[in-house]
Amino acid sequence: MKLPVRLVSLLASCTPAWAAAAEVLPEAPRSAGNVGASGLWVLANICFAGMRAQNSPRAGWRIVAFLFGLPGTLVTYFVVAEGSERAYGIDIPRKR
C-alpha cells in the first residue's frame, strides 16, 4: 500500500514543473482550418499562374482561381506573361 502513496506524492511534486513547462512551450495550432485556407490560396495561385502562362481559354476557372488567390494572383497577373509557357522561372509547356 505504500507504493501508491509514493506514486501519488511523486506525481504531485512534479505538477509545478509541468505547469512551468506548459507556460514556456508555444501554443499548438488549435485547428486545421487555417492550414486548409492557406493551402487553397497557394493552389489557386499556382493554378492561375499555369493558366496564364499557357494562355488557357477557360475564363471561368481563371476568374475563380484569381479570386481565391488574391492578392498573390495580382502579382502573377503582372509578372507572368500571357502565353509565355513560363511562370516564375518554371517551364510550363502546353500539351501538343
Protein backbone atom coordinates (compact mmCIF):
# COMPACT_ATOMS: atom_id res chain seq x y z
CA MET A 1 0.00 0.00 0.00
CA LYS A 2 2.98 2.31 0.33
CA LEU A 3 3.70 2.19 -3.44
CA PRO A 4 0.53 4.09 -4.47
CA VAL A 5 1.17 6.73 -1.81
CA ARG A 6 4.72 7.24 -3.11
CA LEU A 7 3.48 7.37 -6.68
CA VAL A 8 0.86 9.98 -5.82
CA SER A 9 3.39 12.07 -3.92
CA LEU A 10 5.85 11.85 -6.84
CA LEU A 11 3.19 12.98 -9.32
CA ALA A 12 2.08 15.78 -7.01
CA SER A 13 5.65 17.02 -6.66
CA CYS A 14 6.07 17.10 -10.47
CA THR A 15 2.94 19.19 -11.06
CA PRO A 16 4.65 22.61 -10.62
CA ALA A 17 7.37 21.61 -13.11
CA TRP A 18 4.74 20.54 -15.67
CA ALA A 19 2.86 23.81 -15.22
CA ALA A 20 6.04 25.84 -15.69
CA ALA A 21 6.95 23.86 -18.83
CA ALA A 22 3.45 24.36 -20.24
CA GLU A 23 3.79 28.13 -19.90
CA VAL A 24 7.12 28.18 -21.77
CA LEU A 25 6.09 25.98 -24.71
CA PRO A 26 4.47 27.73 -27.67
CA GLU A 27 0.82 27.06 -28.28
CA ALA A 28 -0.02 24.38 -30.81
CA PRO A 29 -2.40 25.28 -33.63
CA ARG A 30 -5.98 24.75 -32.50
CA SER A 31 -7.47 23.60 -35.78
CA ALA A 32 -6.58 22.60 -39.29
CA GLY A 33 -8.91 25.26 -40.72
CA ASN A 34 -6.14 27.81 -41.16
CA VAL A 35 -3.97 25.28 -42.95
CA GLY A 36 -6.80 24.44 -45.35
CA ALA A 37 -7.37 28.08 -46.22
CA SER A 38 -3.67 28.63 -46.84
CA GLY A 39 -3.50 25.52 -48.98
CA LEU A 40 -6.42 26.70 -51.09
CA TRP A 41 -4.75 30.10 -51.52
CA VAL A 42 -1.46 28.52 -52.67
CA LEU A 43 -3.19 26.14 -55.08
CA ALA A 44 -5.25 28.97 -56.55
CA ASN A 45 -2.07 30.98 -57.16
CA ILE A 46 -0.36 28.03 -58.84
CA CYS A 47 -3.41 27.31 -61.00
CA PHE A 48 -3.76 30.93 -62.09
CA ALA A 49 -0.06 31.18 -62.94
CA GLY A 50 -0.24 27.99 -65.00
CA MET A 51 -3.41 29.05 -66.83
CA ARG A 52 -1.93 32.46 -67.60
CA ALA A 53 1.38 31.02 -68.82
CA GLN A 54 -0.40 28.50 -71.05
CA ASN A 55 -2.96 31.04 -72.34
CA SER A 56 -5.85 28.88 -71.18
CA PRO A 57 -9.22 29.63 -72.84
CA ARG A 58 -11.20 28.67 -69.71
CA ALA A 59 -12.21 32.12 -68.48
CA GLY A 60 -14.48 30.83 -65.71
CA TRP A 61 -11.78 28.83 -63.97
CA ARG A 62 -9.30 31.66 -64.39
CA ILE A 63 -11.69 34.06 -62.64
CA VAL A 64 -12.31 31.57 -59.80
CA ALA A 65 -8.58 30.95 -59.33
CA PHE A 66 -7.89 34.69 -59.48
CA LEU A 67 -10.46 35.47 -56.77
CA PHE A 68 -9.42 32.64 -54.41
CA GLY A 69 -5.75 33.54 -54.82
CA LEU A 70 -5.95 37.26 -54.15
CA PRO A 71 -3.68 39.19 -53.52
CA GLY A 72 -1.00 36.80 -54.81
CA THR A 73 -2.71 36.46 -58.17
CA LEU A 74 -2.38 40.20 -58.71
CA VAL A 75 1.39 39.76 -58.61
CA THR A 76 1.10 36.82 -61.01
CA TYR A 77 -1.04 38.91 -63.35
CA PHE A 78 1.76 41.47 -63.74
CA VAL A 79 4.76 39.09 -63.60
CA VAL A 80 3.72 36.14 -65.80
CA ALA A 81 3.37 36.97 -69.50
CA GLU A 82 0.25 35.64 -71.20
CA GLY A 83 1.08 32.53 -73.26
CA SER A 84 4.80 32.58 -72.43
CA GLU A 85 4.79 28.93 -71.27
CA ARG A 86 6.92 30.07 -68.32
CA ALA A 87 5.82 31.10 -64.82
CA TYR A 88 8.19 32.18 -62.05
CA GLY A 89 11.17 30.56 -63.78
CA ILE A 90 9.44 27.21 -64.38
CA ASP A 91 8.71 25.95 -67.88
CA ILE A 92 5.04 25.01 -68.28
CA PRO A 93 4.71 23.75 -71.84
CA ARG A 94 1.29 23.17 -73.37
CA LYS A 95 0.19 19.72 -74.44
CA ARG A 96 0.67 19.32 -78.14
